[in-house]
Amino acid sequence: PILIISENADKTFSRAFGERTIEEIGDNEVLINVKYSALNYKDALSASGNKGISRFYPHTPGIDAAGIIAQSKSADFKEGDEVLVTGYDLGMNTNGGFAEYVKVPAGWVVPLPKNLTLKESMIYGTAGFTAAIGVWEMIRHDVTPDKGKILVTGATGGVGSMAVAILNKLNYQVTASTGKLEQSDYLKNIGASEIISRNEVNITSPKPLFDKKWIGAIDNVGGNTLSTIIKSLDHRGVACVCGMVDSIDLNVNIFPFILRGAVVVGLDSASRSMELRKELWHNLANDWKIPNFDILHREVNLENIIPEIEKILQGGQIGKVLVKI
């Protein structure tokens, strides 16, 4: 099976399942028989014809894929190896993981770490890898569990859920911000020690600084929420940024930086080095491995992905949607 997004003559886009030959999906070094993928917001945009994500159609989305090497022109991989791919150009302008097979450059491929199954790797997926970069940045900037609370916004989404779970595994005290307070039990079960409304992190006061509340944050919202976070960081606090569901604009003054030493870090997961990818995937398979995979995901077959695409576009996703191919 393969999900194909087509551009129609009237510039609308349609989604349908079909077939393509191995040759039609591209010409790269490694052919992977995909066993699992995952649904991300970027996949939903690609499936909706967003030319900022995918310029050329017909196209197959899926920025995540895990499976078994079927053919390899690279000395680094052999037939039968279990591997995963996240980010780079997969599912954007290279046909992606919502298909039985993908072809990718060998330089994109991560060997599946020991202590991690193909299924677990895609429950993490890009969302888990992005959250892991945020945790890595916290540690790199000496934000340790004893320093204070960590805020996670958009906490019921894919990156937010993964961030809460990983931070909790590493003994951080996590405050989860959400617009879905009815999901408080879910957030507590994955590791949040405190749950607040998203309105508490969306302050419109003109004050240049707010009371110090958090030593770190992983923000999936952007806009005025991110501005509020930056103004509320404790001394040398770190705000990790990876979302823009509120706005792509940021209005903040200089005082959090020159008076409190605030640090803002972008979590650009698609283009990280292979060295860092292997390090973080090793961590996710070992010391950072979350204990509650079952709570964090729902599994759907590829043939049932289209309603899930609509759901994530409407902001209705809780946790991760794992896609079985």
C-alpha atoms as a PDB file:
ATOM      1  CA  PRO A   1       0.000   0.000   0.000  1.00  0.00           C
ATOM      2  CA  ILE A   2       1.014   3.596  -0.575  1.00  0.00           C
ATOM      3  CA  LEU A   3      -0.748   6.908   0.143  1.00  0.00           C
ATOM      4  CA  ILE A   4      -0.585   9.215  -2.861  1.00  0.00           C
ATOM      5  CA  ILE A   5      -1.430  12.916  -2.684  1.00  0.00           C
ATOM      6  CA  SER A   6      -2.339  14.325  -6.104  1.00  0.00           C
ATOM      7  CA  GLU A   7      -2.785  17.892  -7.322  1.00  0.00           C
ATOM      8  CA  ASN A   8      -5.941  18.340  -9.352  1.00  0.00           C
ATOM      9  CA  ALA A   9      -6.480  20.627 -12.349  1.00  0.00           C
ATOM     10  CA  ASP A  10      -8.387  23.118 -10.164  1.00  0.00           C
ATOM     11  CA  LYS A  11      -5.412  23.337  -7.742  1.00  0.00           C
ATOM     12  CA  THR A  12      -7.171  21.260  -5.072  1.00  0.00           C
ATOM     13  CA  PHE A  13      -5.552  18.135  -3.643  1.00  0.00           C
ATOM     14  CA  SER A  14      -6.866  14.604  -3.261  1.00  0.00           C
ATOM     15  CA  ARG A  15      -5.728  11.671  -1.127  1.00  0.00           C
ATOM     16  CA  ALA A  16      -5.970   8.083  -2.282  1.00  0.00           C
ATOM     17  CA  PHE A  17      -4.263   4.728  -1.825  1.00  0.00           C
ATOM     18  CA  GLY A  18      -2.597   3.218  -4.851  1.00  0.00           C
ATOM     19  CA  GLU A  19       0.461   1.470  -6.192  1.00  0.00           C
ATOM     20  CA  ARG A  20       3.811   2.639  -7.506  1.00  0.00           C
ATOM     21  CA  THR A  21       6.791   0.695  -8.756  1.00  0.00           C
ATOM     22  CA  ILE A  22      10.076   0.717  -6.856  1.00  0.00           C
ATOM     23  CA  GLU A  23      11.531   2.846  -9.661  1.00  0.00           C
ATOM     24  CA  GLU A  24       8.776   5.448  -9.295  1.00  0.00           C
ATOM     25  CA  ILE A  25       9.480   6.182  -5.629  1.00  0.00           C
ATOM     26  CA  GLY A  26      12.953   7.556  -6.369  1.00  0.00           C
ATOM     27  CA  ASP A  27      16.581   6.683  -7.041  1.00  0.00           C
ATOM     28  CA  ASN A  28      18.671   6.479  -3.886  1.00  0.00           C
ATOM     29  CA  GLU A  29      21.197   4.137  -2.280  1.00  0.00           C
ATOM     30  CA  VAL A  30      19.041   2.320   0.261  1.00  0.00           C
ATOM     31  CA  LEU A  31      15.657   0.644  -0.199  1.00  0.00           C
ATOM     32  CA  ILE A  32      13.777   0.113   3.068  1.00  0.00           C
ATOM     33  CA  ASN A  33      10.791  -2.144   3.581  1.00  0.00           C
ATOM     34  CA  VAL A  34       8.804   0.070   5.951  1.00  0.00           C
ATOM     35  CA  LYS A  35       7.110  -1.603   8.904  1.00  0.00           C
ATOM     36  CA  TYR A  36       6.053   1.481  10.876  1.00  0.00           C
ATOM     37  CA  SER A  37       5.730   5.225  10.389  1.00  0.00           C
ATOM     38  CA  ALA A  38       4.145   7.984  12.476  1.00  0.00           C
ATOM     39  CA  LEU A  39       1.768  10.853  11.829  1.00  0.00           C
ATOM     40  CA  ASN A  40       3.164  14.346  12.357  1.00  0.00           C
ATOM     41  CA  TYR A  41       1.663  17.791  11.780  1.00  0.00           C
ATOM     42  CA  LYS A  42       4.111  18.279   8.914  1.00  0.00           C
ATOM     43  CA  ASP A  43       2.748  15.105   7.270  1.00  0.00           C
ATOM     44  CA  ALA A  44      -0.775  16.489   7.502  1.00  0.00           C
ATOM     45  CA  LEU A  45       0.349  19.721   5.847  1.00  0.00           C
ATOM     46  CA  SER A  46       2.053  17.771   3.048  1.00  0.00           C
ATOM     47  CA  ALA A  47      -1.109  15.696   2.631  1.00  0.00           C
ATOM     48  CA  SER A  48      -3.071  18.932   2.251  1.00  0.00           C
ATOM     49  CA  GLY A  49      -0.942  20.275  -0.584  1.00  0.00           C
ATOM     50  CA  ASN A  50       1.079  22.770   1.446  1.00  0.00           C
ATOM     51  CA  LYS A  51       3.764  23.875  -1.036  1.00  0.00           C
ATOM     52  CA  GLY A  52       5.924  25.126   1.828  1.00  0.00           C
ATOM     53  CA  ILE A  53       6.342  21.475   2.847  1.00  0.00           C
ATOM     54  CA  SER A  54       6.104  19.532  -0.431  1.00  0.00           C
ATOM     55  CA  ARG A  55       6.518  21.335  -3.738  1.00  0.00           C
ATOM     56  CA  PHE A  56       5.963  18.473  -6.150  1.00  0.00           C
ATOM     57  CA  TYR A  57       2.918  16.232  -6.560  1.00  0.00           C
ATOM     58  CA  PRO A  58       1.893  13.415  -6.796  1.00  0.00           C
ATOM     59  CA  HIS A  59       3.688  12.778  -3.549  1.00  0.00           C
ATOM     60  CA  THR A  60       3.727  10.405  -0.568  1.00  0.00           C
ATOM     61  CA  PRO A  61       4.063  12.032   2.888  1.00  0.00           C
ATOM     62  CA  GLY A  62       5.660  10.497   5.984  1.00  0.00           C
ATOM     63  CA  ILE A  63       8.711  12.164   7.584  1.00  0.00           C
ATOM     64  CA  ASP A  64       9.298   9.050   9.713  1.00  0.00           C
ATOM     65  CA  ALA A  65      10.020   5.462   8.690  1.00  0.00           C
ATOM     66  CA  ALA A  66      11.359   2.340  10.395  1.00  0.00           C
ATOM     67  CA  GLY A  67      11.895  -0.985   8.731  1.00  0.00           C
ATOM     68  CA  ILE A  68      14.265  -3.493   7.196  1.00  0.00           C
ATOM     69  CA  ILE A  69      16.858  -2.924   4.471  1.00  0.00           C
ATOM     70  CA  ALA A  70      15.634  -4.629   1.283  1.00  0.00           C
ATOM     71  CA  GLN A  71      18.466  -3.449  -1.002  1.00  0.00           C
ATOM     72  CA  SER A  72      21.605  -1.431  -0.374  1.00  0.00           C
ATOM     73  CA  LYS A  73      24.253   0.129  -2.591  1.00  0.00           C
ATOM     74  CA  SER A  74      26.090   1.326   0.532  1.00  0.00           C
ATOM     75  CA  ALA A  75      28.810  -0.569   2.363  1.00  0.00           C
ATOM     76  CA  ASP A  76      27.361   0.753   5.634  1.00  0.00           C
ATOM     77  CA  PHE A  77      24.151  -1.278   5.365  1.00  0.00           C
ATOM     78  CA  LYS A  78      23.212  -4.756   4.236  1.00  0.00           C
ATOM     79  CA  GLU A  79      19.987  -6.537   3.444  1.00  0.00           C
ATOM     80  CA  GLY A  80      18.120  -7.439   6.606  1.00  0.00           C
ATOM     81  CA  ASP A  81      19.446  -4.596   8.794  1.00  0.00           C
ATOM     82  CA  GLU A  82      16.829  -2.925  10.998  1.00  0.00           C
ATOM     83  CA  VAL A  83      16.970   0.854  10.572  1.00  0.00           C
ATOM     84  CA  LEU A  84      15.066   4.091  11.043  1.00  0.00           C
ATOM     85  CA  VAL A  85      14.917   7.425   9.223  1.00  0.00           C
ATOM     86  CA  THR A  86      13.553  10.719  10.549  1.00  0.00           C
ATOM     87  CA  GLY A  87      13.824  14.194   9.104  1.00  0.00           C
ATOM     88  CA  TYR A  88      16.132  15.325   6.306  1.00  0.00           C
ATOM     89  CA  ASP A  89      13.916  15.588   3.201  1.00  0.00           C
ATOM     90  CA  LEU A  90      11.947  12.378   3.811  1.00  0.00           C
ATOM     91  CA  GLY A  91       8.221  12.907   3.237  1.00  0.00           C
ATOM     92  CA  MET A  92       8.791  16.457   2.047  1.00  0.00           C
ATOM     93  CA  ASN A  93      10.129  16.338  -1.520  1.00  0.00           C
ATOM     94  CA  THR A  94      11.376  12.761  -1.188  1.00  0.00           C
ATOM     95  CA  ASN A  95       8.571  10.191  -1.117  1.00  0.00           C
ATOM     96  CA  GLY A  96       8.006   9.298   2.515  1.00  0.00           C
ATOM     97  CA  GLY A  97       7.060   6.631   5.014  1.00  0.00           C
ATOM     98  CA  PHE A  98       3.346   6.269   4.275  1.00  0.00           C
ATOM     99  CA  ALA A  99       4.295   3.475   1.893  1.00  0.00           C
ATOM    100  CA  GLU A 100       5.508  -0.110   1.879  1.00  0.00           C
ATOM    101  CA  TYR A 101       8.931   0.968   0.611  1.00  0.00           C
ATOM    102  CA  VAL A 102      11.083   4.107   0.714  1.00  0.00           C
ATOM    103  CA  LYS A 103      14.349   4.882  -1.056  1.00  0.00           C
ATOM    104  CA  VAL A 104      16.753   7.201   0.747  1.00  0.00           C
ATOM    105  CA  PRO A 105      20.430   8.210   0.778  1.00  0.00           C
ATOM    106  CA  ALA A 106      22.539   6.053   3.093  1.00  0.00           C
ATOM    107  CA  GLY A 107      23.538   9.199   4.992  1.00  0.00           C
ATOM    108  CA  TRP A 108      19.993   9.558   6.307  1.00  0.00           C
ATOM    109  CA  VAL A 109      19.770   6.082   7.799  1.00  0.00           C
ATOM    110  CA  VAL A 110      20.217   5.356  11.532  1.00  0.00           C
ATOM    111  CA  PRO A 111      20.863   1.745  12.596  1.00  0.00           C
ATOM    112  CA  LEU A 112      18.159   0.685  15.044  1.00  0.00           C
ATOM    113  CA  PRO A 113      19.728   0.930  18.515  1.00  0.00           C
ATOM    114  CA  LYS A 114      19.877  -2.089  20.773  1.00  0.00           C
ATOM    115  CA  ASN A 115      17.061  -2.168  23.345  1.00  0.00           C
ATOM    116  CA  LEU A 116      14.645  -0.501  20.918  1.00  0.00           C
ATOM    117  CA  THR A 117      12.144  -2.180  18.602  1.00  0.00           C
ATOM    118  CA  LEU A 118      11.069  -0.819  15.227  1.00  0.00           C
ATOM    119  CA  LYS A 119       7.658  -0.111  16.721  1.00  0.00           C
ATOM    120  CA  GLU A 120       9.106   1.765  19.707  1.00  0.00           C
ATOM    121  CA  SER A 121      11.331   3.828  17.433  1.00  0.00           C
ATOM    122  CA  MET A 122       8.271   5.119  15.589  1.00  0.00           C
ATOM    123  CA  ILE A 123       6.292   5.742  18.764  1.00  0.00           C
ATOM    124  CA  TYR A 124       9.153   8.168  19.395  1.00  0.00           C
ATOM    125  CA  GLY A 125       9.549   9.233  15.754  1.00  0.00           C
ATOM    126  CA  THR A 126      10.360  12.824  14.893  1.00  0.00           C
ATOM    127  CA  ALA A 127       8.331  14.002  17.897  1.00  0.00           C
ATOM    128  CA  GLY A 128      10.426  11.980  20.328  1.00  0.00           C
ATOM    129  CA  PHE A 129      13.660  12.911  18.606  1.00  0.00           C
ATOM    130  CA  THR A 130      12.718  16.613  18.732  1.00  0.00           C
ATOM    131  CA  ALA A 131      11.871  16.344  22.425  1.00  0.00           C
ATOM    132  CA  ALA A 132      15.202  14.578  22.984  1.00  0.00           C
ATOM    133  CA  ILE A 133      17.062  17.492  21.371  1.00  0.00           C
ATOM    134  CA  GLY A 134      15.291  19.788  23.824  1.00  0.00           C
ATOM    135  CA  VAL A 135      16.346  17.666  26.788  1.00  0.00           C
ATOM    136  CA  TRP A 136      19.900  17.509  25.418  1.00  0.00           C
ATOM    137  CA  GLU A 137      19.947  21.321  25.137  1.00  0.00           C
ATOM    138  CA  MET A 138      18.768  21.627  28.743  1.00  0.00           C
ATOM    139  CA  ILE A 139      21.557  19.388  29.954  1.00  0.00           C
ATOM    140  CA  ARG A 140      24.079  21.174  27.737  1.00  0.00           C
ATOM    141  CA  HIS A 141      23.095  24.494  29.336  1.00  0.00           C
ATOM    142  CA  ASP A 142      23.364  23.060  32.879  1.00  0.00           C
ATOM    143  CA  VAL A 143      19.618  22.975  33.491  1.00  0.00           C
ATOM    144  CA  THR A 144      19.529  20.058  35.929  1.00  0.00           C
ATOM    145  CA  PRO A 145      16.519  18.660  37.853  1.00  0.00           C
ATOM    146  CA  ASP A 146      17.527  20.429  41.064  1.00  0.00           C
ATOM    147  CA  LYS A 147      17.408  23.883  39.428  1.00  0.00           C
ATOM    148  CA  GLY A 148      13.610  24.243  39.192  1.00  0.00           C
ATOM    149  CA  LYS A 149      10.499  23.432  37.201  1.00  0.00           C
ATOM    150  CA  ILE A 150      10.393  22.716  33.460  1.00  0.00           C
ATOM    151  CA  LEU A 151       7.391  23.938  31.467  1.00  0.00           C
ATOM    152  CA  VAL A 152       6.077  21.999  28.468  1.00  0.00           C
ATOM    153  CA  THR A 153       3.435  23.760  26.361  1.00  0.00           C
ATOM    154  CA  GLY A 154       1.081  22.008  23.993  1.00  0.00           C
ATOM    155  CA  ALA A 155       1.684  19.090  26.317  1.00  0.00           C
ATOM    156  CA  THR A 156      -0.898  16.665  24.901  1.00  0.00           C
ATOM    157  CA  GLY A 157       0.558  16.776  21.373  1.00  0.00           C
ATOM    158  CA  GLY A 158       3.274  14.526  19.998  1.00  0.00           C
ATOM    159  CA  VAL A 159       6.370  16.553  20.934  1.00  0.00           C
ATOM    160  CA  GLY A 160       4.749  17.776  24.154  1.00  0.00           C
ATOM    161  CA  SER A 161       3.813  14.292  25.344  1.00  0.00           C
ATOM    162  CA  MET A 162       7.272  12.937  24.564  1.00  0.00           C
ATOM    163  CA  ALA A 163       8.943  15.860  26.325  1.00  0.00           C
ATOM    164  CA  VAL A 164       6.855  15.340  29.469  1.00  0.00           C
ATOM    165  CA  ALA A 165       7.626  11.615  29.529  1.00  0.00           C
ATOM    166  CA  ILE A 166      11.376  11.914  28.892  1.00  0.00           C
ATOM    167  CA  LEU A 167      11.848  14.761  31.363  1.00  0.00           C
ATOM    168  CA  ASN A 168       9.947  12.811  34.009  1.00  0.00           C
ATOM    169  CA  LYS A 169      12.140   9.756  33.362  1.00  0.00           C
ATOM    170  CA  LEU A 170      15.162  11.962  34.083  1.00  0.00           C
ATOM    171  CA  ASN A 171      13.648  13.223  37.367  1.00  0.00           C
ATOM    172  CA  TYR A 172      12.725  16.729  36.236  1.00  0.00           C
ATOM    173  CA  GLN A 173       9.670  18.381  37.783  1.00  0.00           C
ATOM    174  CA  VAL A 174       7.407  19.012  34.800  1.00  0.00           C
ATOM    175  CA  THR A 175       4.626  21.577  34.521  1.00  0.00           C
ATOM    176  CA  ALA A 176       2.343  20.738  31.587  1.00  0.00           C
ATOM    177  CA  SER A 177       0.430  23.556  29.898  1.00  0.00           C
ATOM    178  CA  THR A 178      -2.579  22.603  27.789  1.00  0.00           C
ATOM    179  CA  GLY A 179      -5.832  23.805  26.290  1.00  0.00           C
ATOM    180  CA  LYS A 180      -7.253  20.357  26.981  1.00  0.00           C
ATOM    181  CA  LEU A 181      -7.586  20.287  30.758  1.00  0.00           C
ATOM    182  CA  GLU A 182      -9.941  17.317  30.377  1.00  0.00           C
ATOM    183  CA  GLN A 183      -6.774  15.354  29.528  1.00  0.00           C
ATOM    184  CA  SER A 184      -5.231  16.005  32.960  1.00  0.00           C
ATOM    185  CA  ASP A 185      -5.261  12.313  33.886  1.00  0.00           C
ATOM    186  CA  TYR A 186      -3.358  11.492  30.687  1.00  0.00           C
ATOM    187  CA  LEU A 187      -0.749  14.138  31.462  1.00  0.00           C
ATOM    188  CA  LYS A 188      -0.321  12.911  35.027  1.00  0.00           C
ATOM    189  CA  ASN A 189       0.060   9.335  33.814  1.00  0.00           C
ATOM    190  CA  ILE A 190       2.903  10.265  31.438  1.00  0.00           C
ATOM    191  CA  GLY A 191       4.760  12.236  34.104  1.00  0.00           C
ATOM    192  CA  ALA A 192       3.459  15.770  34.622  1.00  0.00           C
ATOM    193  CA  SER A 193       3.657  16.858  38.254  1.00  0.00           C
ATOM    194  CA  GLU A 194       1.583  20.003  37.654  1.00  0.00           C
ATOM    195  CA  ILE A 195      -0.993  20.895  34.994  1.00  0.00           C
ATOM    196  CA  ILE A 196      -1.998  24.449  34.089  1.00  0.00           C
ATOM    197  CA  SER A 197      -4.248  26.070  31.511  1.00  0.00           C
ATOM    198  CA  ARG A 198      -2.581  27.497  28.435  1.00  0.00           C
ATOM    199  CA  ASN A 199      -4.090  30.858  29.433  1.00  0.00           C
ATOM    200  CA  GLU A 200      -1.655  31.020  32.349  1.00  0.00           C
ATOM    201  CA  VAL A 201       1.198  31.119  29.844  1.00  0.00           C
ATOM    202  CA  ASN A 202      -0.373  33.744  27.583  1.00  0.00           C
ATOM    203  CA  ILE A 203       0.026  37.008  29.504  1.00  0.00           C
ATOM    204  CA  THR A 204      -0.576  40.250  27.590  1.00  0.00           C
ATOM    205  CA  SER A 205       0.857  42.622  30.196  1.00  0.00           C
ATOM    206  CA  PRO A 206       3.350  45.203  28.851  1.00  0.00           C
ATOM    207  CA  LYS A 207       5.721  44.529  31.767  1.00  0.00           C
ATOM    208  CA  PRO A 208       9.237  43.771  30.493  1.00  0.00           C
ATOM    209  CA  LEU A 209       9.720  40.914  32.997  1.00  0.00           C
ATOM    210  CA  PHE A 210       7.378  38.590  34.889  1.00  0.00           C
ATOM    211  CA  ASP A 211       7.887  36.626  38.095  1.00  0.00           C
ATOM    212  CA  LYS A 212      10.438  33.837  37.707  1.00  0.00           C
ATOM    213  CA  LYS A 213       8.559  30.530  37.306  1.00  0.00           C
ATOM    214  CA  TRP A 214      10.589  28.082  35.228  1.00  0.00           C
ATOM    215  CA  ILE A 215      14.233  27.193  34.718  1.00  0.00           C
ATOM    216  CA  GLY A 216      13.459  25.652  31.344  1.00  0.00           C
ATOM    217  CA  ALA A 217      10.719  25.182  28.787  1.00  0.00           C
ATOM    218  CA  ILE A 218       9.919  23.190  25.676  1.00  0.00           C
ATOM    219  CA  ASP A 219       7.462  25.298  23.725  1.00  0.00           C
ATOM    220  CA  ASN A 220       5.221  23.986  20.967  1.00  0.00           C
ATOM    221  CA  VAL A 221       3.068  27.096  20.690  1.00  0.00           C
ATOM    222  CA  GLY A 222       5.136  30.178  19.813  1.00  0.00           C
ATOM    223  CA  GLY A 223       3.726  33.715  19.610  1.00  0.00           C
ATOM    224  CA  ASN A 224       2.739  35.444  22.844  1.00  0.00           C
ATOM    225  CA  THR A 225       3.060  32.163  24.748  1.00  0.00           C
ATOM    226  CA  LEU A 226       6.769  32.048  23.934  1.00  0.00           C
ATOM    227  CA  SER A 227       7.105  35.722  24.841  1.00  0.00           C
ATOM    228  CA  THR A 228       5.479  34.993  28.221  1.00  0.00           C
ATOM    229  CA  ILE A 229       7.825  32.055  28.785  1.00  0.00           C
ATOM    230  CA  ILE A 230      10.949  34.078  28.037  1.00  0.00           C
ATOM    231  CA  LYS A 231       9.878  36.855  30.420  1.00  0.00           C
ATOM    232  CA  SER A 232       9.150  34.221  33.124  1.00  0.00           C
ATOM    233  CA  LEU A 233      12.424  32.262  32.989  1.00  0.00           C
ATOM    234  CA  ASP A 234      14.612  32.060  36.058  1.00  0.00           C
ATOM    235  CA  HIS A 235      18.259  33.129  35.858  1.00  0.00           C
ATOM    236  CA  ARG A 236      20.060  31.405  32.945  1.00  0.00           C
ATOM    237  CA  GLY A 237      16.888  29.545  32.059  1.00  0.00           C
ATOM    238  CA  VAL A 238      16.492  27.901  28.657  1.00  0.00           C
ATOM    239  CA  ALA A 239      13.481  28.048  26.344  1.00  0.00           C
ATOM    240  CA  CYS A 240      13.532  25.413  23.593  1.00  0.00           C
ATOM    241  CA  VAL A 241      11.351  26.365  20.633  1.00  0.00           C
ATOM    242  CA  CYS A 242       9.774  23.973  18.134  1.00  0.00           C
ATOM    243  CA  GLY A 243       6.191  25.089  17.465  1.00  0.00           C
ATOM    244  CA  MET A 244       4.127  27.909  16.029  1.00  0.00           C
ATOM    245  CA  VAL A 245       0.474  26.942  16.485  1.00  0.00           C
ATOM    246  CA  ASP A 246      -0.216  30.347  18.073  1.00  0.00           C
ATOM    247  CA  SER A 247       1.897  32.547  15.796  1.00  0.00           C
ATOM    248  CA  ILE A 248       5.179  32.713  13.915  1.00  0.00           C
ATOM    249  CA  ASP A 249       5.813  36.184  15.348  1.00  0.00           C
ATOM    250  CA  LEU A 250       7.668  36.901  18.587  1.00  0.00           C
ATOM    251  CA  ASN A 251       7.471  40.180  20.489  1.00  0.00           C
ATOM    252  CA  VAL A 252       9.933  40.275  23.371  1.00  0.00           C
ATOM    253  CA  ASN A 253      12.269  42.886  24.853  1.00  0.00           C
ATOM    254  CA  ILE A 254      15.919  42.571  25.754  1.00  0.00           C
ATOM    255  CA  PHE A 255      15.615  42.477  29.564  1.00  0.00           C
ATOM    256  CA  PRO A 256      15.206  38.696  29.986  1.00  0.00           C
ATOM    257  CA  PHE A 257      18.521  38.309  28.180  1.00  0.00           C
ATOM    258  CA  ILE A 258      20.635  41.025  29.794  1.00  0.00           C
ATOM    259  CA  LEU A 259      19.189  40.808  33.324  1.00  0.00           C
ATOM    260  CA  ARG A 260      18.485  37.071  33.653  1.00  0.00           C
ATOM    261  CA  GLY A 261      20.728  35.553  30.994  1.00  0.00           C
ATOM    262  CA  ALA A 262      17.817  33.848  29.251  1.00  0.00           C
ATOM    263  CA  VAL A 263      18.679  31.443  26.433  1.00  0.00           C
ATOM    264  CA  VAL A 264      16.380  30.640  23.500  1.00  0.00           C
ATOM    265  CA  VAL A 265      17.239  27.541  21.449  1.00  0.00           C
ATOM    266  CA  GLY A 266      15.578  26.363  18.246  1.00  0.00           C
ATOM    267  CA  LEU A 267      14.899  22.619  17.966  1.00  0.00           C
ATOM    268  CA  ASP A 268      15.580  22.037  14.266  1.00  0.00           C
ATOM    269  CA  SER A 269      15.307  18.253  14.180  1.00  0.00           C
ATOM    270  CA  ALA A 270      15.378  17.624  10.415  1.00  0.00           C
ATOM    271  CA  SER A 271      18.984  18.631   9.767  1.00  0.00           C
ATOM    272  CA  ARG A 272      20.889  17.460  12.846  1.00  0.00           C
ATOM    273  CA  SER A 273      24.189  15.652  12.376  1.00  0.00           C
ATOM    274  CA  MET A 274      24.340  11.880  12.195  1.00  0.00           C
ATOM    275  CA  GLU A 275      26.686  11.894  15.192  1.00  0.00           C
ATOM    276  CA  LEU A 276      24.076  13.612  17.358  1.00  0.00           C
ATOM    277  CA  ARG A 277      21.283  11.435  15.942  1.00  0.00           C
ATOM    278  CA  LYS A 278      23.062   8.259  16.979  1.00  0.00           C
ATOM    279  CA  GLU A 279      23.833   9.686  20.436  1.00  0.00           C
ATOM    280  CA  LEU A 280      20.227  10.724  21.090  1.00  0.00           C
ATOM    281  CA  TRP A 281      18.708   7.511  19.708  1.00  0.00           C
ATOM    282  CA  HIS A 282      21.085   5.574  21.976  1.00  0.00           C
ATOM    283  CA  ASN A 283      19.851   7.654  24.922  1.00  0.00           C
ATOM    284  CA  LEU A 284      16.216   7.096  23.959  1.00  0.00           C
ATOM    285  CA  ALA A 285      16.842   3.349  23.854  1.00  0.00           C
ATOM    286  CA  ASN A 286      18.638   3.267  27.201  1.00  0.00           C
ATOM    287  CA  ASP A 287      18.863   5.808  30.041  1.00  0.00           C
ATOM    288  CA  TRP A 288      16.130   8.062  28.617  1.00  0.00           C
ATOM    289  CA  LYS A 289      13.784   5.242  27.601  1.00  0.00           C
ATOM    290  CA  ILE A 290      10.248   6.053  28.660  1.00  0.00           C
ATOM    291  CA  PRO A 291       8.342   3.375  30.590  1.00  0.00           C
ATOM    292  CA  ASN A 292       4.847   4.177  29.313  1.00  0.00           C
ATOM    293  CA  PHE A 293       4.840   3.652  25.538  1.00  0.00           C
ATOM    294  CA  ASP A 294       1.339   2.159  25.618  1.00  0.00           C
ATOM    295  CA  ILE A 295      -0.202   5.295  27.145  1.00  0.00           C
ATOM    296  CA  LEU A 296       1.562   7.589  24.686  1.00  0.00           C
ATOM    297  CA  HIS A 297       0.276   6.251  21.381  1.00  0.00           C
ATOM    298  CA  ARG A 298      -2.570   4.880  19.305  1.00  0.00           C
ATOM    299  CA  GLU A 299      -1.833   2.479  16.471  1.00  0.00           C
ATOM    300  CA  VAL A 300      -3.654   2.699  13.145  1.00  0.00           C
ATOM    301  CA  ASN A 301      -3.167   0.866   9.881  1.00  0.00           C
ATOM    302  CA  LEU A 302      -2.006   2.923   6.919  1.00  0.00           C
ATOM    303  CA  GLU A 303      -5.384   2.376   5.238  1.00  0.00           C
ATOM    304  CA  ASN A 304      -7.008   4.315   8.116  1.00  0.00           C
ATOM    305  CA  ILE A 305      -4.668   7.302   8.088  1.00  0.00           C
ATOM    306  CA  ILE A 306      -6.842   9.813   6.197  1.00  0.00           C
ATOM    307  CA  PRO A 307      -9.280  10.539   9.087  1.00  0.00           C
ATOM    308  CA  GLU A 308      -6.267  10.895  11.390  1.00  0.00           C
ATOM    309  CA  ILE A 309      -4.804  13.535   9.058  1.00  0.00           C
ATOM    310  CA  GLU A 310      -7.990  15.569   9.421  1.00  0.00           C
ATOM    311  CA  LYS A 311      -7.918  15.129  13.183  1.00  0.00           C
ATOM    312  CA  ILE A 312      -4.376  16.412  13.633  1.00  0.00           C
ATOM    313  CA  LEU A 313      -5.097  19.419  11.390  1.00  0.00           C
ATOM    314  CA  GLN A 314      -7.988  20.313  13.724  1.00  0.00           C
ATOM    315  CA  GLY A 315      -5.786  20.044  16.822  1.00  0.00           C
ATOM    316  CA  GLY A 316      -7.513  16.919  18.102  1.00  0.00           C
ATOM    317  CA  GLN A 317      -4.519  14.578  18.457  1.00  0.00           C
ATOM    318  CA  ILE A 318      -3.572  13.295  21.907  1.00  0.00           C
ATOM    319  CA  GLY A 319      -0.093  11.746  22.124  1.00  0.00           C
ATOM    320  CA  LYS A 320       1.288   9.941  19.078  1.00  0.00           C
ATOM    321  CA  VAL A 321      -0.412   8.214  16.172  1.00  0.00           C
ATOM    322  CA  LEU A 322       1.673   5.186  15.186  1.00  0.00           C
ATOM    323  CA  VAL A 323       1.129   4.026  11.606  1.00  0.00           C
ATOM    324  CA  LYS A 324       1.485   0.304  10.868  1.00  0.00           C
ATOM    325  CA  ILE A 325       2.330  -0.313   7.235  1.00  0.00           C
END
